């Protein structure tokens, strides 16, 4: 699986559709209020200039139209100063990283949209390989974009008569002809292989119309070669400008890569900040990386850390443009997985998904340069929160990373984990990650990483689940809660199944995922908060292979299928401003 420290790849001649966060329709602007208008000239003037006459004519026309077509009256609650209404998103997207699957690995992509309850119809969902635009011919002796880290690819217009769609003619709401995978309808997942080979690019995913609300994509990789052995999975995230990862390493046996994928139409400039037990690790090579449009880069962290560092926090900062970022960790033959991007730094971080048979756990925490952090370590068991004996707290120096081995912390019971300020009057925003290992009777192991996660909210989903292989972990971080778990139809057939689960305040419940009757293929799981909470949730997928207890854990987060749309108010003053 060894790769160069930096790599760019180009695909087809046309960049895939840019993807990003979910968007909703903009509110319609209200027409100005009715009423005649006058334009007064300067006092004492004897002559009106042509410009003043013209302005008077325009204003008269505008106000005249407003008088003839008065705006519709806003709802009563809006007139009283009420806030926004709720609307379904119309377009959403995500970016999946390079598979990083070595020579023996295989990677699967699965897309899913839950059945909608809104009025949206039509639309499409698709996944396409990240592909660079065509590059204009260069003079002899000029380095190519692939050979120059800061070069930016330049798109070349399609030749006349080529039949290639122009920018004006392209339908941005339709799947491209070369899409790797298409999603036909809400409620049924679609699955297929990712790019094959050790240099496969990242993937862009887009959904529009009725397929946009709750659209999610899961990437799952199985590697059977000794180095990098394990099951790696992640939920693909929207392109963004800031990503945090806790739990990376450049220790002797670790091979950790940061994957950067730019599915946008313009270049992105990226800084990679590494923090260890001595603070920020300065390295000019980690700053100002240019990721060309439609390209993918993998960065070997050991080339940036200036020596072996056992525990790292990584902050990806995008100075211009947007990228998808993901971090893959491989610990020799001990296990491999993606380290999920953390929730934004916060004084309290919670994570679900510690299995009962956890054989080892290592907690890694970063504190900001402005302040130290003194934190309580708590586990959520079946009856509520408690502090693990011998590991009740952790101190993190400002701007540094601290780590602690928790051992077999779950003591054969499922759990969630929470970090919170020891003194509520002294909150310090932190980033945290937790490595968990599982071991088989033969001594073979695999590893997965958890991270601080936002609550599931109204609904969260994970797309790739296999028969008999998925377990849900649900932790109520506040009041007692009720959640509804829904298993979708299978990608090849089956009838959806639903189950409600009760959670005690501060308690954790694990359950084998419900499965659709007559399951054929893979299926998706959705978790909805019915009452109480908030609830953090995670799904463990277990696929034992070659006597190795391969597993991966993904958090379920609010899919943000709806957004708030502000009410538009009548304001004739906008005509005069």
Protein backbone atom coordinates (compact mmCIF):
# COMPACT_ATOMS: atom_id res chain seq x y z
CA UNK A 1 0.00 0.00 0.00
CA UNK A 2 2.99 2.32 0.00
CA UNK A 3 2.38 5.44 -2.03
CA UNK A 4 4.26 8.62 -2.82
CA UNK A 5 3.86 11.47 -0.38
CA UNK A 6 2.01 13.59 -2.92
CA UNK A 7 -0.04 12.36 -5.81
CA UNK A 8 -2.35 13.93 -8.37
CA UNK A 9 -4.45 12.06 -10.84
CA UNK A 10 -6.46 13.12 -13.82
CA UNK A 11 -9.46 11.38 -15.24
CA UNK A 12 -11.84 12.20 -18.05
CA UNK A 13 -11.71 15.42 -20.01
CA UNK A 14 -14.64 16.92 -18.16
CA UNK A 15 -14.75 17.75 -14.47
CA UNK A 16 -17.59 16.16 -12.49
CA UNK A 17 -20.39 18.30 -11.20
CA UNK A 18 -19.19 20.31 -8.20
CA UNK A 19 -20.70 19.08 -4.99
CA UNK A 20 -21.12 20.68 -1.62
CA UNK A 21 -23.45 21.18 1.25
CA UNK A 22 -27.19 20.88 0.91
CA UNK A 23 -28.99 23.90 -0.51
CA UNK A 24 -32.60 25.02 -0.35
CA UNK A 25 -34.63 27.31 -2.59
CA UNK A 26 -34.16 30.99 -1.93
CA UNK A 27 -37.24 32.86 -0.68
CA UNK A 28 -39.03 34.93 -3.27
CA UNK A 29 -38.45 38.64 -2.83
CA UNK A 30 -41.55 40.67 -2.04
CA UNK A 31 -42.62 43.45 -4.38
CA UNK A 32 -42.46 46.96 -2.98
CA UNK A 33 -45.48 48.27 -1.13
CA UNK A 34 -48.25 49.99 -3.04
CA UNK A 35 -48.48 53.75 -3.19
CA UNK A 36 -47.76 56.63 -5.53
CA UNK A 37 -44.34 58.20 -5.60
CA UNK A 38 -43.01 61.73 -6.18
CA UNK A 39 -39.55 63.04 -6.87
CA UNK A 40 -38.98 66.56 -5.51
CA UNK A 41 -36.46 68.81 -7.23
CA UNK A 42 -34.09 71.21 -5.54
CA UNK A 43 -35.91 74.07 -3.75
CA UNK A 44 -35.84 77.29 -5.72
CA UNK A 45 -34.77 75.55 -8.95
CA UNK A 46 -36.14 76.81 -12.22
CA UNK A 47 -35.12 73.88 -14.44
CA UNK A 48 -35.40 70.11 -14.09
CA UNK A 49 -32.45 68.22 -15.55
CA UNK A 50 -32.96 65.23 -17.88
CA UNK A 51 -31.45 62.85 -15.28
CA UNK A 52 -33.97 63.94 -12.66
CA UNK A 53 -36.82 63.53 -15.12
CA UNK A 54 -35.59 60.06 -16.02
CA UNK A 55 -35.36 59.07 -12.38
CA UNK A 56 -38.86 60.36 -11.76
CA UNK A 57 -40.20 58.29 -14.66
CA UNK A 58 -38.50 55.11 -13.38
CA UNK A 59 -39.76 55.57 -9.85
CA UNK A 60 -43.26 56.33 -11.06
CA UNK A 61 -43.23 53.16 -13.14
CA UNK A 62 -41.94 51.05 -10.25
CA UNK A 63 -44.43 52.36 -7.74
CA UNK A 64 -47.19 52.22 -10.32
CA UNK A 65 -46.53 48.52 -10.87
CA UNK A 66 -46.45 48.00 -7.13
CA UNK A 67 -49.85 49.68 -6.89
CA UNK A 68 -51.35 47.59 -9.66
CA UNK A 69 -49.74 44.34 -8.36
CA UNK A 70 -49.56 44.51 -4.57
CA UNK A 71 -47.60 41.68 -2.95
CA UNK A 72 -49.40 38.78 -1.37
CA UNK A 73 -50.01 39.31 2.31
CA UNK A 74 -47.51 37.40 4.47
CA UNK A 75 -48.76 34.81 6.95
CA UNK A 76 -50.08 36.24 10.19
CA UNK A 77 -47.17 34.84 12.19
CA UNK A 78 -44.66 36.42 9.78
CA UNK A 79 -46.35 39.80 10.10
CA UNK A 80 -45.90 39.51 13.83
CA UNK A 81 -42.14 39.04 13.48
CA UNK A 82 -42.12 35.23 13.38
CA UNK A 83 -39.06 33.44 12.07
CA UNK A 84 -38.42 31.28 9.08
CA UNK A 85 -40.32 28.37 7.61
CA UNK A 86 -38.88 24.94 6.87
CA UNK A 87 -38.16 23.69 3.36
CA UNK A 88 -36.61 20.53 1.96
CA UNK A 89 -33.20 20.83 0.37
CA UNK A 90 -33.14 20.63 -3.43
CA UNK A 91 -29.53 19.71 -3.97
CA UNK A 92 -26.91 18.03 -1.78
CA UNK A 93 -23.53 16.45 -2.32
CA UNK A 94 -20.56 14.68 -0.78
CA UNK A 95 -16.97 13.76 -1.60
CA UNK A 96 -15.50 10.27 -1.08
CA UNK A 97 -11.72 9.86 -0.72
CA UNK A 98 -9.33 7.75 -2.76
CA UNK A 99 -9.89 4.08 -1.90
CA UNK A 100 -6.29 3.51 -0.66
CA UNK A 101 -6.92 -0.21 -1.05
CA UNK A 102 -3.49 -1.56 -1.95
CA UNK A 103 -3.07 -4.46 -4.33
CA UNK A 104 -5.52 -6.92 -2.76
CA UNK A 105 -8.25 -4.57 -1.59
CA UNK A 106 -11.70 -3.98 -3.01
CA UNK A 107 -13.86 -0.92 -2.38
CA UNK A 108 -17.64 -0.58 -2.59
CA UNK A 109 -19.68 2.62 -2.84
CA UNK A 110 -23.31 2.66 -1.65
CA UNK A 111 -25.72 5.59 -2.02
CA UNK A 112 -29.08 6.04 -0.33
CA UNK A 113 -31.87 8.58 0.15
CA UNK A 114 -34.61 7.89 2.74
CA UNK A 115 -38.23 8.03 1.56
CA UNK A 116 -39.36 11.66 1.63
CA UNK A 117 -42.44 13.23 3.14
CA UNK A 118 -42.24 16.52 1.22
CA UNK A 119 -43.59 17.59 -2.14
CA UNK A 120 -40.33 17.38 -4.09
CA UNK A 121 -40.45 15.23 -7.22
CA UNK A 122 -38.04 14.16 -9.92
CA UNK A 123 -34.32 14.71 -9.59
CA UNK A 124 -31.37 12.37 -9.83
CA UNK A 125 -28.56 10.93 -7.72
CA UNK A 126 -25.16 9.89 -8.99
CA UNK A 127 -21.49 9.22 -8.18
CA UNK A 128 -18.64 10.08 -10.57
CA UNK A 129 -14.88 9.73 -10.38
CA UNK A 130 -13.04 12.98 -9.68
CA UNK A 131 -11.66 13.95 -13.09
CA UNK A 132 -9.48 16.88 -14.10
CA UNK A 133 -10.48 19.22 -16.93
CA UNK A 134 -8.45 19.05 -20.10
CA UNK A 135 -5.14 20.93 -19.87
CA UNK A 136 -4.12 23.39 -22.55
CA UNK A 137 -0.99 22.53 -24.52
CA UNK A 138 2.22 23.83 -22.92
CA UNK A 139 5.45 25.01 -24.50
CA UNK A 140 8.24 22.45 -24.71
CA UNK A 141 10.14 22.23 -21.43
CA UNK A 142 7.30 23.61 -19.29
CA UNK A 143 6.51 21.34 -16.29
CA UNK A 144 3.10 19.73 -16.39
CA UNK A 145 0.49 20.21 -13.68
CA UNK A 146 1.11 16.67 -12.47
CA UNK A 147 4.81 17.34 -11.98
CA UNK A 148 4.47 20.75 -10.34
CA UNK A 149 2.79 20.73 -6.89
CA UNK A 150 1.49 24.29 -7.24
CA UNK A 151 0.36 24.09 -10.87
CA UNK A 152 -3.31 24.55 -11.69
CA UNK A 153 -5.02 22.71 -14.54
CA UNK A 154 -6.70 24.93 -17.13
CA UNK A 155 -9.88 23.83 -18.85
CA UNK A 156 -9.90 23.73 -22.63
CA UNK A 157 -13.18 24.52 -24.44
CA UNK A 158 -14.70 21.67 -26.42
CA UNK A 159 -13.89 21.91 -30.12
CA UNK A 160 -16.65 23.14 -32.39
CA UNK A 161 -18.79 20.32 -33.73
CA UNK A 162 -17.46 17.82 -31.19
CA UNK A 163 -20.91 17.15 -29.78
CA UNK A 164 -19.68 17.85 -26.25
CA UNK A 165 -22.25 19.77 -24.20
CA UNK A 166 -21.43 23.40 -23.55
CA UNK A 167 -21.59 24.92 -20.08
CA UNK A 168 -24.87 26.61 -21.02
CA UNK A 169 -26.46 23.43 -22.36
CA UNK A 170 -25.39 21.10 -19.54
CA UNK A 171 -28.22 19.99 -17.25
CA UNK A 172 -26.82 20.26 -13.74
CA UNK A 173 -29.71 18.24 -12.31
CA UNK A 174 -29.19 15.16 -14.47
CA UNK A 175 -26.67 12.36 -13.99
CA UNK A 176 -23.74 12.51 -16.43
CA UNK A 177 -23.39 9.75 -19.00
CA UNK A 178 -20.17 8.49 -17.40
CA UNK A 179 -21.53 8.29 -13.83
CA UNK A 180 -20.04 5.40 -11.88
CA UNK A 181 -23.25 4.79 -9.96
CA UNK A 182 -26.80 6.18 -10.17
CA UNK A 183 -29.55 6.19 -7.55
CA UNK A 184 -32.96 5.45 -9.04
CA UNK A 185 -35.39 6.35 -6.25
CA UNK A 186 -35.66 7.15 -2.53
CA UNK A 187 -35.96 4.21 -0.17
CA UNK A 188 -33.75 1.76 -2.07
CA UNK A 189 -29.92 1.91 -1.94
CA UNK A 190 -27.71 1.57 -5.00
CA UNK A 191 -24.28 -0.06 -4.73
CA UNK A 192 -21.30 -0.68 -6.97
CA UNK A 193 -17.49 -0.87 -7.07
CA UNK A 194 -15.26 2.17 -6.71
CA UNK A 195 -12.34 2.77 -9.04
CA UNK A 196 -9.98 -0.20 -9.09
CA UNK A 197 -6.24 -0.19 -8.60
CA UNK A 198 -3.79 1.46 -6.28
CA UNK A 199 -4.15 4.87 -7.94
CA UNK A 200 -7.95 5.12 -8.10
CA UNK A 201 -9.24 8.70 -7.72
CA UNK A 202 -11.73 10.08 -5.23
CA UNK A 203 -15.43 10.29 -6.01
CA UNK A 204 -17.97 13.11 -6.16
CA UNK A 205 -21.61 12.45 -5.27
CA UNK A 206 -24.63 14.65 -6.07
CA UNK A 207 -28.38 14.34 -5.54
CA UNK A 208 -31.12 16.70 -6.70
CA UNK A 209 -34.89 17.03 -6.36
CA UNK A 210 -36.62 14.28 -4.39
CA UNK A 211 -33.31 12.43 -4.02
CA UNK A 212 -31.55 15.32 -2.24
CA UNK A 213 -33.11 15.26 1.29
CA UNK A 214 -31.07 12.86 3.43
CA UNK A 215 -28.79 11.71 0.60
CA UNK A 216 -25.84 9.75 2.03
CA UNK A 217 -22.94 7.73 0.61
CA UNK A 218 -20.87 5.05 2.37
CA UNK A 219 -17.47 3.79 1.18
CA UNK A 220 -16.29 0.37 2.40
CA UNK A 221 -12.91 -1.28 1.69
CA UNK A 222 -11.67 -4.79 2.52
CA UNK A 223 -7.88 -5.34 2.44
CA UNK A 224 -6.46 -8.84 2.89
CA UNK A 225 -2.73 -8.27 2.42
CA UNK A 226 -0.76 -8.40 5.70
CA UNK A 227 0.21 -4.73 5.73
CA UNK A 228 -2.96 -2.66 5.85
CA UNK A 229 -5.07 -5.72 6.70
CA UNK A 230 -8.55 -4.73 7.83
CA UNK A 231 -11.98 -3.32 7.04
CA UNK A 232 -12.10 0.42 6.34
CA UNK A 233 -15.33 2.38 6.09
CA UNK A 234 -16.57 5.94 6.20
CA UNK A 235 -19.55 8.10 5.43
CA UNK A 236 -18.56 10.52 2.68
CA UNK A 237 -18.73 14.17 3.75
CA UNK A 238 -19.53 17.43 1.94
CA UNK A 239 -16.68 19.46 0.53
CA UNK A 240 -15.56 22.05 3.04
CA UNK A 241 -12.84 24.39 4.27
CA UNK A 242 -11.98 22.96 7.72
CA UNK A 243 -11.54 19.36 8.92
CA UNK A 244 -10.25 18.01 12.26
CA UNK A 245 -8.86 14.51 12.86
CA UNK A 246 -7.61 13.14 16.23
CA UNK A 247 -5.73 9.86 16.58
CA UNK A 248 -3.34 9.94 13.62
CA UNK A 249 0.27 8.80 14.07
CA UNK A 250 3.67 8.57 12.39
CA UNK A 251 4.98 5.87 14.73
CA UNK A 252 7.14 3.12 13.25
CA UNK A 253 4.36 0.70 12.26
CA UNK A 254 1.83 3.32 11.20
CA UNK A 255 1.19 4.35 7.59
CA UNK A 256 -1.27 7.24 7.71
CA UNK A 257 -2.38 9.08 4.58
CA UNK A 258 -4.42 12.25 4.24
CA UNK A 259 -6.62 12.16 1.14
CA UNK A 260 -7.56 15.47 -0.50
CA UNK A 261 -10.11 15.45 -3.34
CA UNK A 262 -11.17 18.53 -5.28
CA UNK A 263 -14.38 18.01 -7.27
CA UNK A 264 -14.83 21.74 -7.80
CA UNK A 265 -14.15 23.65 -11.03
CA UNK A 266 -11.41 25.81 -9.49
CA UNK A 267 -8.17 25.02 -7.69
CA UNK A 268 -7.97 24.81 -3.89
CA UNK A 269 -5.08 25.88 -1.67
CA UNK A 270 -4.68 23.80 1.50
CA UNK A 271 -2.64 24.01 4.71
CA UNK A 272 -2.11 20.90 6.84
CA UNK A 273 -1.45 21.58 10.53
CA UNK A 274 -0.08 18.74 12.69
CA UNK A 275 -0.15 18.88 16.51
CA UNK A 276 1.74 16.50 18.80
CA UNK A 277 2.66 16.28 22.47
CA UNK A 278 4.95 19.30 22.02
CA UNK A 279 2.48 21.44 20.11
CA UNK A 280 2.34 22.55 16.48
CA UNK A 281 4.82 20.81 14.18
CA UNK A 282 6.19 23.42 11.77
CA UNK A 283 6.88 22.27 8.23
CA UNK A 284 6.75 24.52 5.17
CA UNK A 285 5.93 21.49 3.01
CA UNK A 286 2.55 21.28 4.74
CA UNK A 287 1.47 24.77 3.72
CA UNK A 288 0.10 26.10 0.46
CA UNK A 289 -0.62 22.77 -1.24
CA UNK A 290 -2.52 23.35 -4.48
CA UNK A 291 -5.14 20.75 -5.37
CA UNK A 292 -6.08 21.17 -9.02
CA UNK A 293 -9.72 21.03 -10.17
CA UNK A 294 -10.98 17.47 -10.44
CA UNK A 295 -7.83 15.97 -8.91
CA UNK A 296 -6.97 13.80 -5.90
CA UNK A 297 -3.86 13.89 -3.72
CA UNK A 298 -2.70 11.58 -0.96
CA UNK A 299 -0.22 12.97 1.55
CA UNK A 300 1.85 10.62 3.72
CA UNK A 301 1.87 12.19 7.18
CA UNK A 302 5.33 10.89 8.03
CA UNK A 303 6.76 13.24 5.37
CA UNK A 304 5.39 16.20 7.33
CA UNK A 305 5.98 15.32 10.99
CA UNK A 306 9.82 15.58 11.19
CA UNK A 307 10.23 12.30 13.04
CA UNK A 308 7.98 9.70 14.64
CA UNK A 309 5.09 11.11 16.67
CA UNK A 310 2.89 8.58 18.44
CA UNK A 311 -0.29 10.66 18.70
CA UNK A 312 -1.34 13.46 16.35
CA UNK A 313 -4.23 15.81 15.78
CA UNK A 314 -4.54 17.03 12.19
CA UNK A 315 -6.28 20.22 11.08
CA UNK A 316 -6.92 20.69 7.36
CA UNK A 317 -7.46 24.38 6.54
CA UNK A 318 -8.54 25.35 3.01
CA UNK A 319 -7.41 28.88 2.19
CA UNK A 320 -9.28 29.08 -1.11
CA UNK A 321 -11.77 26.77 -2.77
CA UNK A 322 -13.20 23.64 -1.15
CA UNK A 323 -12.04 20.04 -0.86
CA UNK A 324 -13.13 16.73 0.57
CA UNK A 325 -10.66 15.51 3.22
CA UNK A 326 -10.31 12.10 4.88
CA UNK A 327 -7.55 10.42 6.90
CA UNK A 328 -6.69 6.73 6.61
CA UNK A 329 -4.67 4.92 9.27
CA UNK A 330 -2.99 1.53 8.94
CA UNK A 331 -1.13 -0.07 11.84
CA UNK A 332 0.87 -2.84 10.19
CA UNK A 333 -1.07 -6.09 10.59
CA UNK A 334 -2.92 -4.85 13.69
CA UNK A 335 -5.72 -3.11 11.83
CA UNK A 336 -6.70 -0.26 9.54
CA UNK A 337 -9.59 2.15 9.07
CA UNK A 338 -10.53 5.72 8.24
CA UNK A 339 -10.27 8.20 11.11
CA UNK A 340 -13.56 10.11 10.81
CA UNK A 341 -13.57 13.89 10.73
CA UNK A 342 -14.48 15.24 14.16
CA UNK A 343 -17.27 17.56 15.10
CA UNK A 344 -16.06 21.15 15.50
CA UNK A 345 -14.01 21.87 18.63
CA UNK A 346 -16.33 22.05 21.65
CA UNK A 347 -16.08 21.92 25.44
CA UNK A 348 -17.97 18.60 25.52
CA UNK A 349 -17.42 15.79 23.04
CA UNK A 350 -19.49 12.58 22.96
CA UNK A 351 -19.08 9.46 20.88
CA UNK A 352 -21.04 6.24 20.56
CA UNK A 353 -19.88 2.81 19.39
CA UNK A 354 -17.66 1.03 21.94
CA UNK A 355 -18.36 -2.71 21.51
CA UNK A 356 -18.52 -5.01 24.53
CA UNK A 357 -15.52 -7.03 23.31
CA UNK A 358 -13.18 -4.03 23.03
CA UNK A 359 -9.70 -5.45 23.74
CA UNK A 360 -7.90 -2.06 23.85
CA UNK A 361 -8.78 1.62 23.63
CA UNK A 362 -6.59 4.72 23.28
CA UNK A 363 -7.97 8.24 23.77
CA UNK A 364 -6.32 11.20 22.00
CA UNK A 365 -7.30 14.81 22.85
CA UNK A 366 -6.17 18.20 21.49
CA UNK A 367 -6.57 21.53 23.26
CA UNK A 368 -6.36 24.96 21.57
CA UNK A 369 -3.28 27.20 21.99
CA UNK A 370 -5.29 29.67 24.09
CA UNK A 371 -5.92 27.44 27.12
CA UNK A 372 -5.30 24.13 28.90
CA UNK A 373 -8.15 21.62 29.20
CA UNK A 374 -9.04 19.63 32.32
CA UNK A 375 -11.59 17.01 31.40
CA UNK A 376 -13.73 14.34 32.99
CA UNK A 377 -13.76 10.96 31.21
CA UNK A 378 -17.13 9.24 31.50
CA UNK A 379 -18.61 6.09 30.03
CA UNK A 380 -22.28 5.55 29.28
CA UNK A 381 -23.40 2.08 30.34
CA UNK A 382 -26.79 0.46 30.38
CA UNK A 383 -27.89 2.52 33.40
CA UNK A 384 -26.20 5.90 32.83
CA UNK A 385 -22.87 7.74 33.09
CA UNK A 386 -19.95 6.61 35.27
CA UNK A 387 -16.20 7.28 35.46
CA UNK A 388 -13.87 4.36 34.61
CA UNK A 389 -11.69 3.41 37.58
CA UNK A 390 -8.15 4.72 37.19
CA UNK A 391 -9.03 6.90 34.20
CA UNK A 392 -11.39 9.47 35.63
CA UNK A 393 -9.78 12.53 34.01
CA UNK A 394 -7.21 13.84 31.54
CA UNK A 395 -5.21 17.08 31.44
CA UNK A 396 -4.28 18.58 28.05
CA UNK A 397 -1.79 21.43 27.77
CA UNK A 398 -2.63 24.40 25.57
CA UNK A 399 -1.90 23.79 21.88
CA UNK A 400 -0.83 20.19 22.50
CA UNK A 401 -2.07 16.62 22.29
CA UNK A 402 -2.48 14.28 25.27
CA UNK A 403 -3.25 10.56 25.10
CA UNK A 404 -4.14 7.81 27.55
CA UNK A 405 -4.51 4.04 27.20
CA UNK A 406 -7.87 2.96 28.58
CA UNK A 407 -7.31 -0.79 28.10
CA UNK A 408 -10.37 -3.03 28.21
CA UNK A 409 -12.42 -0.08 29.35
CA UNK A 410 -15.86 -1.48 28.51
CA UNK A 411 -15.50 -4.54 30.78
CA UNK A 412 -17.60 -6.69 28.43
CA UNK A 413 -20.46 -4.20 28.20
CA UNK A 414 -21.30 -1.80 25.38
CA UNK A 415 -20.65 1.88 26.04
CA UNK A 416 -20.46 5.42 24.80
CA UNK A 417 -17.80 7.92 25.91
CA UNK A 418 -18.03 11.58 26.92
CA UNK A 419 -15.41 14.23 27.68
CA UNK A 420 -16.59 17.32 29.56
CA UNK A 421 -14.96 20.12 31.59
CA UNK A 422 -13.92 19.13 35.12
CA UNK A 423 -14.92 22.68 36.09
CA UNK A 424 -18.06 23.81 34.22
CA UNK A 425 -16.91 27.42 34.71
CA UNK A 426 -13.74 26.70 32.70
CA UNK A 427 -14.87 25.22 29.35
CA UNK A 428 -12.18 24.73 26.72
CA UNK A 429 -13.10 23.66 23.15
CA UNK A 430 -11.34 20.38 22.33
CA UNK A 431 -11.07 17.76 19.60
CA UNK A 432 -11.02 14.08 20.59
CA UNK A 433 -10.61 10.68 18.96
CA UNK A 434 -10.68 7.13 20.31
CA UNK A 435 -8.99 4.08 18.78
CA UNK A 436 -10.68 0.79 19.64
CA UNK A 437 -9.30 -2.69 18.92
CA UNK A 438 -11.06 -6.04 18.81
CA UNK A 439 -9.18 -9.34 19.00
CA UNK A 440 -10.11 -12.86 17.94
CA UNK A 441 -9.24 -15.98 19.94
CA UNK A 442 -6.33 -16.56 17.57
CA UNK A 443 -4.82 -13.20 18.52
CA UNK A 444 -5.56 -11.47 15.21
CA UNK A 445 -6.96 -7.96 15.53
CA UNK A 446 -8.56 -5.09 13.69
CA UNK A 447 -8.98 -1.45 14.70
CA UNK A 448 -11.48 1.35 14.23
CA UNK A 449 -11.55 5.01 15.26
CA UNK A 450 -14.37 6.98 16.88
CA UNK A 451 -14.52 10.74 17.15
CA UNK A 452 -16.56 13.50 18.71
CA UNK A 453 -19.94 13.44 16.99
CA UNK A 454 -23.02 15.63 16.72
CA UNK A 455 -26.40 14.17 17.78
CA UNK A 456 -28.52 12.27 15.30
CA UNK A 457 -31.22 14.97 15.48
CA UNK A 458 -34.32 14.44 13.38
CA UNK A 459 -32.76 11.65 11.30
CA UNK A 460 -29.42 10.14 10.35
CA UNK A 461 -28.61 7.29 7.95
CA UNK A 462 -25.81 4.94 6.96
CA UNK A 463 -26.01 3.25 3.58
CA UNK A 464 -23.96 0.01 3.46
CA UNK A 465 -25.24 -2.75 5.75
CA UNK A 466 -24.90 -6.50 5.22
CA UNK A 467 -27.07 -9.39 6.44
CA UNK A 468 -26.05 -10.34 9.97
CA UNK A 469 -23.19 -7.85 10.00
CA UNK A 470 -24.53 -4.59 11.44
CA UNK A 471 -24.92 -3.54 15.09
CA UNK A 472 -26.36 -0.20 16.25
CA UNK A 473 -25.05 1.67 19.30
CA UNK A 474 -27.36 4.35 20.71
CA UNK A 475 -26.41 6.68 23.58
CA UNK A 476 -28.75 9.26 25.12
CA UNK A 477 -26.49 12.07 26.34
CA UNK A 478 -29.36 13.87 28.10
CA UNK A 479 -32.88 12.80 29.04
CA UNK A 480 -34.40 9.40 28.38
CA UNK A 481 -35.17 9.04 24.69
CA UNK A 482 -37.15 7.06 22.16
CA UNK A 483 -35.69 6.45 18.71
CA UNK A 484 -37.12 4.83 15.62
CA UNK A 485 -34.81 2.54 13.62
CA UNK A 486 -35.72 1.77 10.00
CA UNK A 487 -34.08 -0.76 7.72
CA UNK A 488 -34.64 0.09 4.06
CA UNK A 489 -35.43 -2.30 1.26
CA UNK A 490 -32.37 -4.15 -0.04
CA UNK A 491 -30.54 -2.98 -3.13
CA UNK A 492 -31.83 -6.11 -4.86
CA UNK A 493 -35.19 -6.42 -3.10
CA UNK A 494 -36.84 -6.75 0.30
CA UNK A 495 -39.47 -5.16 2.53
CA UNK A 496 -38.45 -2.36 4.94
CA UNK A 497 -38.59 -3.01 8.70
CA UNK A 498 -39.02 -0.57 11.59
CA UNK A 499 -38.35 -0.82 15.33
CA UNK A 500 -38.64 1.64 18.23
CA UNK A 501 -36.01 1.60 20.99
CA UNK A 502 -36.18 3.12 24.49
CA UNK A 503 -33.00 4.64 25.95
CA UNK A 504 -32.54 5.53 29.64
CA UNK A 505 -31.14 8.96 30.52
CA UNK A 506 -27.39 8.82 29.94
CA UNK A 507 -27.63 5.17 28.92
CA UNK A 508 -26.37 3.13 25.97
CA UNK A 509 -28.21 0.40 24.12
CA UNK A 510 -26.77 -1.90 21.45
CA UNK A 511 -28.94 -3.99 19.16
CA UNK A 512 -28.47 -6.08 16.05
CA UNK A 513 -29.74 -3.94 13.22
CA UNK A 514 -33.26 -4.84 12.05
CA UNK A 515 -33.18 -6.28 8.54
CA UNK A 516 -35.72 -6.08 5.71
CA UNK A 517 -37.79 -9.19 5.09
CA UNK A 518 -36.66 -11.02 1.97
CA UNK A 519 -33.37 -9.09 1.90
CA UNK A 520 -31.44 -9.21 -1.35
CA UNK A 521 -28.24 -7.15 -1.50
CA UNK A 522 -27.22 -4.42 0.94
CA UNK A 523 -29.58 -2.18 2.89
CA UNK A 524 -29.55 1.19 4.64
CA UNK A 525 -30.32 2.08 8.26
CA UNK A 526 -31.97 5.29 9.45
CA UNK A 527 -32.30 6.47 13.06
CA UNK A 528 -34.88 9.12 14.02
CA UNK A 529 -35.21 10.79 17.42
CA UNK A 530 -38.87 10.47 18.40
CA UNK A 531 -38.63 12.07 21.85
CA UNK A 532 -36.12 13.01 24.54
CA UNK A 533 -32.38 12.90 23.98
CA UNK A 534 -30.21 14.20 22.42
CA UNK A 535 -28.93 10.89 21.04
CA UNK A 536 -25.57 10.03 19.51
CA UNK A 537 -25.53 6.90 17.36
CA UNK A 538 -23.08 4.66 15.53
CA UNK A 539 -23.22 1.58 13.34
CA UNK A 540 -20.61 -1.20 13.52
CA UNK A 541 -20.21 -3.29 10.38
CA UNK A 542 -18.45 -6.60 11.03
CA UNK A 543 -17.16 -8.75 8.15
CA UNK A 544 -14.79 -11.44 9.54
CA UNK A 545 -12.29 -12.38 6.82
CA UNK A 546 -9.39 -14.89 6.97
CA UNK A 547 -9.88 -15.39 10.73
CA UNK A 548 -9.54 -11.63 11.32
CA UNK A 549 -12.39 -9.89 13.22
CA UNK A 550 -12.66 -7.13 10.61
CA UNK A 551 -14.94 -4.26 11.62
CA UNK A 552 -15.55 -0.56 11.09
CA UNK A 553 -17.70 1.99 12.96
CA UNK A 554 -19.51 5.00 11.49
CA UNK A 555 -21.41 7.67 13.42
CA UNK A 556 -24.90 8.62 12.26
CA UNK A 557 -25.40 12.38 12.21
CA UNK A 558 -28.33 14.62 11.39
CA UNK A 559 -28.77 14.45 7.60
CA UNK A 560 -30.02 18.07 7.48
CA UNK A 561 -32.65 17.25 4.89
CA UNK A 562 -34.51 20.45 5.70
CA UNK A 563 -33.35 24.04 6.18
CA UNK A 564 -34.86 27.23 7.54
CA UNK A 565 -36.03 29.73 4.92
CA UNK A 566 -36.54 33.30 6.16
CA UNK A 567 -39.79 35.13 5.51
CA UNK A 568 -39.54 38.05 3.06
CA UNK A 569 -41.00 41.32 4.32
CA UNK A 570 -42.44 44.26 2.34
CA UNK A 571 -39.97 47.15 2.29
CA UNK A 572 -40.52 49.93 -0.28
CA UNK A 573 -37.33 51.53 0.99
CA UNK A 574 -35.26 49.10 -1.08
CA UNK A 575 -36.26 51.06 -4.18
CA UNK A 576 -34.64 54.21 -2.83
CA UNK A 577 -31.47 52.57 -1.42
